[in-house]
């Protein structure tokens, strides 16, 4: 008897069932559990002081005094890559900051962060905090080994929603981009959702290693985000950190 068109044989159905059982999604839960404490929220305050002269009713000026303009806030993400309390983020996140604070996961108290070094052209910065406890740090991988199509995970503080996790794949490598006077020579392109506040956060491989620093998203389309390749970061670290640089990172 001839099978109806479009139906599957029992053997084909069995093969499909076995294939479905063997294809498993990556274990993102375990990766999040490994990295969550090392990802931090960054809050930046910008204050500008200006001189103002007040005159008396008699026409004689009082002394000049400094008046603080309203404070502007900026948010971003960073991650601890060295157990001495060193944090990587984007330079544009902390650019021109009067104060930089770091908030760790499940911690209400904000920590004061000091800027150790920056690389303006490639949009990189290293911060330092006094760690309140010993935590697991994120390992830096090698972006030259990254393959187009492999799974990646972005963790950050998009729109102030702390420790949000998004997943996607590497869409392309070696995307050069020039934004103003900043140069991004080896960007990784990903479709993992990256929004304002994700800047400076880690792009993590299934090996649990940081392969990029999330830094830009196309405002005119969806599913196109970019991360600075971690090999660029590795090359910039010795200059940014000076004698504090540790070869083992």
C-alpha atoms as a PDB file:
ATOM      1  CA  UNK A   1       0.000   0.000   0.000  1.00  0.00           C
ATOM      2  CA  UNK A   2       1.342   3.388  -0.967  1.00  0.00           C
ATOM      3  CA  UNK A   3       1.945   5.881   1.839  1.00  0.00           C
ATOM      4  CA  UNK A   4       0.102   9.131   1.704  1.00  0.00           C
ATOM      5  CA  UNK A   5       2.179  12.005   0.457  1.00  0.00           C
ATOM      6  CA  UNK A   6       3.816  13.966   3.288  1.00  0.00           C
ATOM      7  CA  UNK A   7       3.681  11.169   5.888  1.00  0.00           C
ATOM      8  CA  UNK A   8       6.773   9.710   7.573  1.00  0.00           C
ATOM      9  CA  UNK A   9       7.690   6.062   7.891  1.00  0.00           C
ATOM     10  CA  UNK A  10       8.143   4.557  11.349  1.00  0.00           C
ATOM     11  CA  UNK A  11      11.908   4.451  10.746  1.00  0.00           C
ATOM     12  CA  UNK A  12      11.998   8.134   9.824  1.00  0.00           C
ATOM     13  CA  UNK A  13       9.934   9.019  12.875  1.00  0.00           C
ATOM     14  CA  UNK A  14      12.301   7.025  15.072  1.00  0.00           C
ATOM     15  CA  UNK A  15      15.343   8.779  13.588  1.00  0.00           C
ATOM     16  CA  UNK A  16      13.764  12.186  14.176  1.00  0.00           C
ATOM     17  CA  UNK A  17      12.983  11.303  17.783  1.00  0.00           C
ATOM     18  CA  UNK A  18      16.527  10.066  18.434  1.00  0.00           C
ATOM     19  CA  UNK A  19      18.013  13.174  16.829  1.00  0.00           C
ATOM     20  CA  UNK A  20      15.822  15.440  18.946  1.00  0.00           C
ATOM     21  CA  UNK A  21      16.958  13.650  22.108  1.00  0.00           C
ATOM     22  CA  UNK A  22      20.636  13.947  21.156  1.00  0.00           C
ATOM     23  CA  UNK A  23      20.499  17.660  20.301  1.00  0.00           C
ATOM     24  CA  UNK A  24      20.822  19.580  23.520  1.00  0.00           C
ATOM     25  CA  UNK A  25      20.895  23.278  24.138  1.00  0.00           C
ATOM     26  CA  UNK A  26      24.021  24.669  25.836  1.00  0.00           C
ATOM     27  CA  UNK A  27      23.980  24.720  29.628  1.00  0.00           C
ATOM     28  CA  UNK A  28      23.712  28.474  30.060  1.00  0.00           C
ATOM     29  CA  UNK A  29      22.542  28.038  33.643  1.00  0.00           C
ATOM     30  CA  UNK A  30      25.919  26.674  34.738  1.00  0.00           C
ATOM     31  CA  UNK A  31      27.802  29.430  32.909  1.00  0.00           C
ATOM     32  CA  UNK A  32      25.679  32.127  34.551  1.00  0.00           C
ATOM     33  CA  UNK A  33      26.288  30.522  37.936  1.00  0.00           C
ATOM     34  CA  UNK A  34      30.040  30.620  37.342  1.00  0.00           C
ATOM     35  CA  UNK A  35      30.248  34.246  36.186  1.00  0.00           C
ATOM     36  CA  UNK A  36      27.411  36.133  37.893  1.00  0.00           C
ATOM     37  CA  UNK A  37      29.362  37.385  40.916  1.00  0.00           C
ATOM     38  CA  UNK A  38      32.196  38.761  38.768  1.00  0.00           C
ATOM     39  CA  UNK A  39      29.915  41.032  36.716  1.00  0.00           C
ATOM     40  CA  UNK A  40      29.353  44.453  38.303  1.00  0.00           C
ATOM     41  CA  UNK A  41      27.160  47.478  37.710  1.00  0.00           C
ATOM     42  CA  UNK A  42      28.914  50.803  37.229  1.00  0.00           C
ATOM     43  CA  UNK A  43      27.354  54.138  38.176  1.00  0.00           C
ATOM     44  CA  UNK A  44      29.113  57.335  37.189  1.00  0.00           C
ATOM     45  CA  UNK A  45      28.481  60.889  38.396  1.00  0.00           C
ATOM     46  CA  UNK A  46      29.427  63.942  36.355  1.00  0.00           C
ATOM     47  CA  UNK A  47      29.558  67.214  38.273  1.00  0.00           C
ATOM     48  CA  UNK A  48      30.804  70.511  36.955  1.00  0.00           C
ATOM     49  CA  UNK A  49      31.794  73.332  39.230  1.00  0.00           C
ATOM     50  CA  UNK A  50      31.319  76.934  38.144  1.00  0.00           C
ATOM     51  CA  UNK A  51      32.202  80.252  39.726  1.00  0.00           C
ATOM     52  CA  UNK A  52      29.387  82.618  40.494  1.00  0.00           C
ATOM     53  CA  UNK A  53      29.542  86.189  41.804  1.00  0.00           C
ATOM     54  CA  UNK A  54      26.816  87.538  44.067  1.00  0.00           C
ATOM     55  CA  UNK A  55      26.455  91.316  44.441  1.00  0.00           C
ATOM     56  CA  UNK A  56      25.076  93.070  47.495  1.00  0.00           C
ATOM     57  CA  UNK A  57      22.207  95.570  47.284  1.00  0.00           C
ATOM     58  CA  UNK A  58      24.867  98.277  47.656  1.00  0.00           C
ATOM     59  CA  UNK A  59      26.646  97.318  44.488  1.00  0.00           C
ATOM     60  CA  UNK A  60      29.618  95.643  46.184  1.00  0.00           C
ATOM     61  CA  UNK A  61      30.328  92.080  45.132  1.00  0.00           C
ATOM     62  CA  UNK A  62      30.503  89.308  47.655  1.00  0.00           C
ATOM     63  CA  UNK A  63      33.299  86.747  47.358  1.00  0.00           C
ATOM     64  CA  UNK A  64      33.167  84.358  44.478  1.00  0.00           C
ATOM     65  CA  UNK A  65      31.903  80.927  45.407  1.00  0.00           C
ATOM     66  CA  UNK A  66      31.731  77.600  43.639  1.00  0.00           C
ATOM     67  CA  UNK A  67      28.327  76.316  42.677  1.00  0.00           C
ATOM     68  CA  UNK A  68      27.727  72.720  41.672  1.00  0.00           C
ATOM     69  CA  UNK A  69      25.666  72.175  38.580  1.00  0.00           C
ATOM     70  CA  UNK A  70      23.081  69.391  38.606  1.00  0.00           C
ATOM     71  CA  UNK A  71      24.654  65.947  38.612  1.00  0.00           C
ATOM     72  CA  UNK A  72      24.470  63.837  35.466  1.00  0.00           C
ATOM     73  CA  UNK A  73      24.417  60.064  35.864  1.00  0.00           C
ATOM     74  CA  UNK A  74      25.643  57.363  33.558  1.00  0.00           C
ATOM     75  CA  UNK A  75      25.317  53.599  33.877  1.00  0.00           C
ATOM     76  CA  UNK A  76      27.322  50.742  32.483  1.00  0.00           C
ATOM     77  CA  UNK A  77      28.740  47.329  33.203  1.00  0.00           C
ATOM     78  CA  UNK A  78      32.137  45.905  34.058  1.00  0.00           C
ATOM     79  CA  UNK A  79      33.637  42.615  35.157  1.00  0.00           C
ATOM     80  CA  UNK A  80      36.345  41.558  37.575  1.00  0.00           C
ATOM     81  CA  UNK A  81      39.196  39.867  35.733  1.00  0.00           C
ATOM     82  CA  UNK A  82      41.849  39.911  38.474  1.00  0.00           C
ATOM     83  CA  UNK A  83      41.398  38.760  42.076  1.00  0.00           C
ATOM     84  CA  UNK A  84      43.131  41.921  43.316  1.00  0.00           C
ATOM     85  CA  UNK A  85      39.960  43.823  42.445  1.00  0.00           C
ATOM     86  CA  UNK A  86      40.690  45.006  38.905  1.00  0.00           C
ATOM     87  CA  UNK A  87      37.724  45.596  36.616  1.00  0.00           C
ATOM     88  CA  UNK A  88      37.492  45.990  32.833  1.00  0.00           C
ATOM     89  CA  UNK A  89      34.920  48.249  31.187  1.00  0.00           C
ATOM     90  CA  UNK A  90      34.521  50.746  28.324  1.00  0.00           C
ATOM     91  CA  UNK A  91      36.272  54.093  28.534  1.00  0.00           C
ATOM     92  CA  UNK A  92      33.138  55.887  27.375  1.00  0.00           C
ATOM     93  CA  UNK A  93      31.293  54.578  30.432  1.00  0.00           C
ATOM     94  CA  UNK A  94      33.581  56.439  32.852  1.00  0.00           C
ATOM     95  CA  UNK A  95      34.769  59.287  30.587  1.00  0.00           C
ATOM     96  CA  UNK A  96      34.846  62.626  32.413  1.00  0.00           C
ATOM     97  CA  UNK A  97      33.540  61.101  35.633  1.00  0.00           C
ATOM     98  CA  UNK A  98      33.734  62.952  38.936  1.00  0.00           C
ATOM     99  CA  UNK A  99      32.947  59.777  40.830  1.00  0.00           C
ATOM    100  CA  UNK A 100      32.732  56.125  39.856  1.00  0.00           C
ATOM    101  CA  UNK A 101      30.832  53.609  41.963  1.00  0.00           C
ATOM    102  CA  UNK A 102      30.598  49.867  41.545  1.00  0.00           C
ATOM    103  CA  UNK A 103      27.735  47.745  42.778  1.00  0.00           C
ATOM    104  CA  UNK A 104      28.210  44.022  43.071  1.00  0.00           C
ATOM    105  CA  UNK A 105      25.527  41.394  42.801  1.00  0.00           C
ATOM    106  CA  UNK A 106      23.280  41.130  45.871  1.00  0.00           C
ATOM    107  CA  UNK A 107      25.140  43.995  47.550  1.00  0.00           C
ATOM    108  CA  UNK A 108      23.311  47.182  48.491  1.00  0.00           C
ATOM    109  CA  UNK A 109      26.449  49.112  49.379  1.00  0.00           C
ATOM    110  CA  UNK A 110      28.207  50.850  46.510  1.00  0.00           C
ATOM    111  CA  UNK A 111      31.988  50.644  46.338  1.00  0.00           C
ATOM    112  CA  UNK A 112      34.224  53.506  45.279  1.00  0.00           C
ATOM    113  CA  UNK A 113      36.199  52.640  42.149  1.00  0.00           C
ATOM    114  CA  UNK A 114      39.483  54.250  41.134  1.00  0.00           C
ATOM    115  CA  UNK A 115      40.528  54.588  37.500  1.00  0.00           C
ATOM    116  CA  UNK A 116      43.819  52.735  37.013  1.00  0.00           C
ATOM    117  CA  UNK A 117      44.291  53.365  33.318  1.00  0.00           C
ATOM    118  CA  UNK A 118      42.444  54.013  30.078  1.00  0.00           C
ATOM    119  CA  UNK A 119      42.842  53.611  26.333  1.00  0.00           C
ATOM    120  CA  UNK A 120      40.635  56.267  24.758  1.00  0.00           C
ATOM    121  CA  UNK A 121      41.174  55.269  21.130  1.00  0.00           C
ATOM    122  CA  UNK A 122      40.068  51.663  21.661  1.00  0.00           C
ATOM    123  CA  UNK A 123      37.470  52.562  24.324  1.00  0.00           C
ATOM    124  CA  UNK A 124      38.944  50.571  27.222  1.00  0.00           C
ATOM    125  CA  UNK A 125      39.367  51.276  30.922  1.00  0.00           C
ATOM    126  CA  UNK A 126      40.635  49.460  34.004  1.00  0.00           C
ATOM    127  CA  UNK A 127      39.152  50.242  37.434  1.00  0.00           C
ATOM    128  CA  UNK A 128      40.175  49.119  40.920  1.00  0.00           C
ATOM    129  CA  UNK A 129      38.003  48.380  43.953  1.00  0.00           C
ATOM    130  CA  UNK A 130      38.667  46.891  47.354  1.00  0.00           C
ATOM    131  CA  UNK A 131      36.952  43.537  47.139  1.00  0.00           C
ATOM    132  CA  UNK A 132      34.691  42.922  50.134  1.00  0.00           C
ATOM    133  CA  UNK A 133      35.212  39.185  49.797  1.00  0.00           C
ATOM    134  CA  UNK A 134      36.996  36.598  47.722  1.00  0.00           C
ATOM    135  CA  UNK A 135      35.021  35.908  44.574  1.00  0.00           C
ATOM    136  CA  UNK A 136      35.498  34.025  41.358  1.00  0.00           C
ATOM    137  CA  UNK A 137      36.903  36.191  38.560  1.00  0.00           C
ATOM    138  CA  UNK A 138      36.281  35.885  34.841  1.00  0.00           C
ATOM    139  CA  UNK A 139      39.002  34.378  32.667  1.00  0.00           C
ATOM    140  CA  UNK A 140      40.075  36.151  29.512  1.00  0.00           C
ATOM    141  CA  UNK A 141      39.878  33.884  26.490  1.00  0.00           C
ATOM    142  CA  UNK A 142      41.349  34.344  23.019  1.00  0.00           C
ATOM    143  CA  UNK A 143      39.127  35.903  20.408  1.00  0.00           C
ATOM    144  CA  UNK A 144      41.277  34.560  17.553  1.00  0.00           C
ATOM    145  CA  UNK A 145      39.860  31.121  18.359  1.00  0.00           C
ATOM    146  CA  UNK A 146      36.248  32.294  18.167  1.00  0.00           C
ATOM    147  CA  UNK A 147      34.173  30.770  15.362  1.00  0.00           C
ATOM    148  CA  UNK A 148      31.284  32.382  13.510  1.00  0.00           C
ATOM    149  CA  UNK A 149      28.102  30.616  14.572  1.00  0.00           C
ATOM    150  CA  UNK A 150      29.190  29.655  18.092  1.00  0.00           C
ATOM    151  CA  UNK A 151      26.980  30.435  21.068  1.00  0.00           C
ATOM    152  CA  UNK A 152      27.777  33.422  23.276  1.00  0.00           C
ATOM    153  CA  UNK A 153      26.203  35.058  26.302  1.00  0.00           C
ATOM    154  CA  UNK A 154      26.098  38.734  27.286  1.00  0.00           C
ATOM    155  CA  UNK A 155      25.680  39.792  30.919  1.00  0.00           C
ATOM    156  CA  UNK A 156      25.126  43.390  31.933  1.00  0.00           C
ATOM    157  CA  UNK A 157      23.037  46.261  33.199  1.00  0.00           C
ATOM    158  CA  UNK A 158      20.833  47.220  30.225  1.00  0.00           C
ATOM    159  CA  UNK A 159      18.513  50.144  30.954  1.00  0.00           C
ATOM    160  CA  UNK A 160      19.368  49.764  34.636  1.00  0.00           C
ATOM    161  CA  UNK A 161      18.074  46.175  34.814  1.00  0.00           C
ATOM    162  CA  UNK A 162      21.045  44.722  36.657  1.00  0.00           C
ATOM    163  CA  UNK A 163      22.565  41.348  35.833  1.00  0.00           C
ATOM    164  CA  UNK A 164      20.425  40.710  32.774  1.00  0.00           C
ATOM    165  CA  UNK A 165      21.500  37.770  30.610  1.00  0.00           C
ATOM    166  CA  UNK A 166      20.996  37.469  26.863  1.00  0.00           C
ATOM    167  CA  UNK A 167      22.225  34.789  24.466  1.00  0.00           C
ATOM    168  CA  UNK A 168      22.952  34.578  20.763  1.00  0.00           C
ATOM    169  CA  UNK A 169      25.667  33.579  18.347  1.00  0.00           C
ATOM    170  CA  UNK A 170      28.742  35.182  16.823  1.00  0.00           C
ATOM    171  CA  UNK A 171      27.390  36.640  13.593  1.00  0.00           C
ATOM    172  CA  UNK A 172      30.717  37.823  12.167  1.00  0.00           C
ATOM    173  CA  UNK A 173      34.319  38.622  13.094  1.00  0.00           C
ATOM    174  CA  UNK A 174      36.816  41.337  12.235  1.00  0.00           C
ATOM    175  CA  UNK A 175      34.289  44.126  11.791  1.00  0.00           C
ATOM    176  CA  UNK A 176      36.239  47.427  11.645  1.00  0.00           C
ATOM    177  CA  UNK A 177      34.413  50.532  12.807  1.00  0.00           C
ATOM    178  CA  UNK A 178      35.317  54.166  13.374  1.00  0.00           C
ATOM    179  CA  UNK A 179      33.099  56.171  15.738  1.00  0.00           C
ATOM    180  CA  UNK A 180      34.322  59.745  16.023  1.00  0.00           C
ATOM    181  CA  UNK A 181      37.959  59.552  17.082  1.00  0.00           C
ATOM    182  CA  UNK A 182      37.648  56.038  18.478  1.00  0.00           C
ATOM    183  CA  UNK A 183      38.893  53.069  16.488  1.00  0.00           C
ATOM    184  CA  UNK A 184      37.415  49.578  16.799  1.00  0.00           C
ATOM    185  CA  UNK A 185      39.563  47.407  14.496  1.00  0.00           C
ATOM    186  CA  UNK A 186      38.478  43.841  15.348  1.00  0.00           C
ATOM    187  CA  UNK A 187      34.877  43.910  16.533  1.00  0.00           C
ATOM    188  CA  UNK A 188      32.904  40.743  17.072  1.00  0.00           C
ATOM    189  CA  UNK A 189      29.353  41.001  15.761  1.00  0.00           C
ATOM    190  CA  UNK A 190      26.624  39.202  17.703  1.00  0.00           C
ATOM    191  CA  UNK A 191      22.852  38.921  17.722  1.00  0.00           C
ATOM    192  CA  UNK A 192      22.776  38.620  21.514  1.00  0.00           C
ATOM    193  CA  UNK A 193      20.667  41.573  22.706  1.00  0.00           C
ATOM    194  CA  UNK A 194      22.878  44.510  23.740  1.00  0.00           C
ATOM    195  CA  UNK A 195      21.284  47.733  24.946  1.00  0.00           C
ATOM    196  CA  UNK A 196      22.281  50.938  26.693  1.00  0.00           C
ATOM    197  CA  UNK A 197      23.887  49.944  29.987  1.00  0.00           C
ATOM    198  CA  UNK A 198      25.413  46.747  28.570  1.00  0.00           C
ATOM    199  CA  UNK A 199      28.514  48.720  27.580  1.00  0.00           C
ATOM    200  CA  UNK A 200      31.623  47.364  29.265  1.00  0.00           C
ATOM    201  CA  UNK A 201      30.075  44.006  30.108  1.00  0.00           C
ATOM    202  CA  UNK A 202      31.473  40.637  29.100  1.00  0.00           C
ATOM    203  CA  UNK A 203      30.634  38.581  26.045  1.00  0.00           C
ATOM    204  CA  UNK A 204      31.172  35.034  27.276  1.00  0.00           C
ATOM    205  CA  UNK A 205      31.789  31.809  25.371  1.00  0.00           C
ATOM    206  CA  UNK A 206      30.452  28.370  26.295  1.00  0.00           C
ATOM    207  CA  UNK A 207      33.856  27.743  27.871  1.00  0.00           C
ATOM    208  CA  UNK A 208      33.023  30.418  30.435  1.00  0.00           C
ATOM    209  CA  UNK A 209      35.724  32.737  29.085  1.00  0.00           C
ATOM    210  CA  UNK A 210      35.395  36.399  28.123  1.00  0.00           C
ATOM    211  CA  UNK A 211      35.940  36.739  24.389  1.00  0.00           C
ATOM    212  CA  UNK A 212      34.804  40.344  24.040  1.00  0.00           C
ATOM    213  CA  UNK A 213      33.663  43.516  25.778  1.00  0.00           C
ATOM    214  CA  UNK A 214      30.184  44.633  24.726  1.00  0.00           C
ATOM    215  CA  UNK A 215      30.443  48.156  23.438  1.00  0.00           C
ATOM    216  CA  UNK A 216      27.989  49.158  20.729  1.00  0.00           C
ATOM    217  CA  UNK A 217      24.647  48.347  19.181  1.00  0.00           C
ATOM    218  CA  UNK A 218      23.141  49.496  15.919  1.00  0.00           C
ATOM    219  CA  UNK A 219      20.283  51.896  16.663  1.00  0.00           C
ATOM    220  CA  UNK A 220      18.744  51.468  13.217  1.00  0.00           C
ATOM    221  CA  UNK A 221      18.262  47.694  13.263  1.00  0.00           C
ATOM    222  CA  UNK A 222      17.693  44.738  15.535  1.00  0.00           C
ATOM    223  CA  UNK A 223      19.959  41.803  16.307  1.00  0.00           C
ATOM    224  CA  UNK A 224      23.221  43.607  15.527  1.00  0.00           C
ATOM    225  CA  UNK A 225      25.525  44.236  18.462  1.00  0.00           C
ATOM    226  CA  UNK A 226      29.284  44.556  18.712  1.00  0.00           C
ATOM    227  CA  UNK A 227      31.984  43.639  21.193  1.00  0.00           C
ATOM    228  CA  UNK A 228      35.664  44.557  21.344  1.00  0.00           C
ATOM    229  CA  UNK A 229      37.689  41.417  20.685  1.00  0.00           C
ATOM    230  CA  UNK A 230      39.445  40.323  23.873  1.00  0.00           C
ATOM    231  CA  UNK A 231      42.782  39.999  22.050  1.00  0.00           C
ATOM    232  CA  UNK A 232      42.702  43.796  21.565  1.00  0.00           C
ATOM    233  CA  UNK A 233      42.098  44.138  25.302  1.00  0.00           C
ATOM    234  CA  UNK A 234      44.998  41.820  26.147  1.00  0.00           C
ATOM    235  CA  UNK A 235      47.362  43.902  24.040  1.00  0.00           C
ATOM    236  CA  UNK A 236      46.227  47.128  25.744  1.00  0.00           C
ATOM    237  CA  UNK A 237      46.394  45.875  29.361  1.00  0.00           C
ATOM    238  CA  UNK A 238      50.163  46.264  29.974  1.00  0.00           C
ATOM    239  CA  UNK A 239      50.076  49.953  29.054  1.00  0.00           C
ATOM    240  CA  UNK A 240      46.855  50.652  30.972  1.00  0.00           C
ATOM    241  CA  UNK A 241      47.990  48.891  34.137  1.00  0.00           C
ATOM    242  CA  UNK A 242      51.731  49.563  34.066  1.00  0.00           C
ATOM    243  CA  UNK A 243      53.580  47.778  36.867  1.00  0.00           C
ATOM    244  CA  UNK A 244      50.255  46.478  38.191  1.00  0.00           C
ATOM    245  CA  UNK A 245      49.858  44.282  35.112  1.00  0.00           C
ATOM    246  CA  UNK A 246      50.092  40.589  35.838  1.00  0.00           C
ATOM    247  CA  UNK A 247      51.107  38.338  32.964  1.00  0.00           C
ATOM    248  CA  UNK A 248      48.971  35.463  34.209  1.00  0.00           C
ATOM    249  CA  UNK A 249      45.651  37.178  33.447  1.00  0.00           C
END
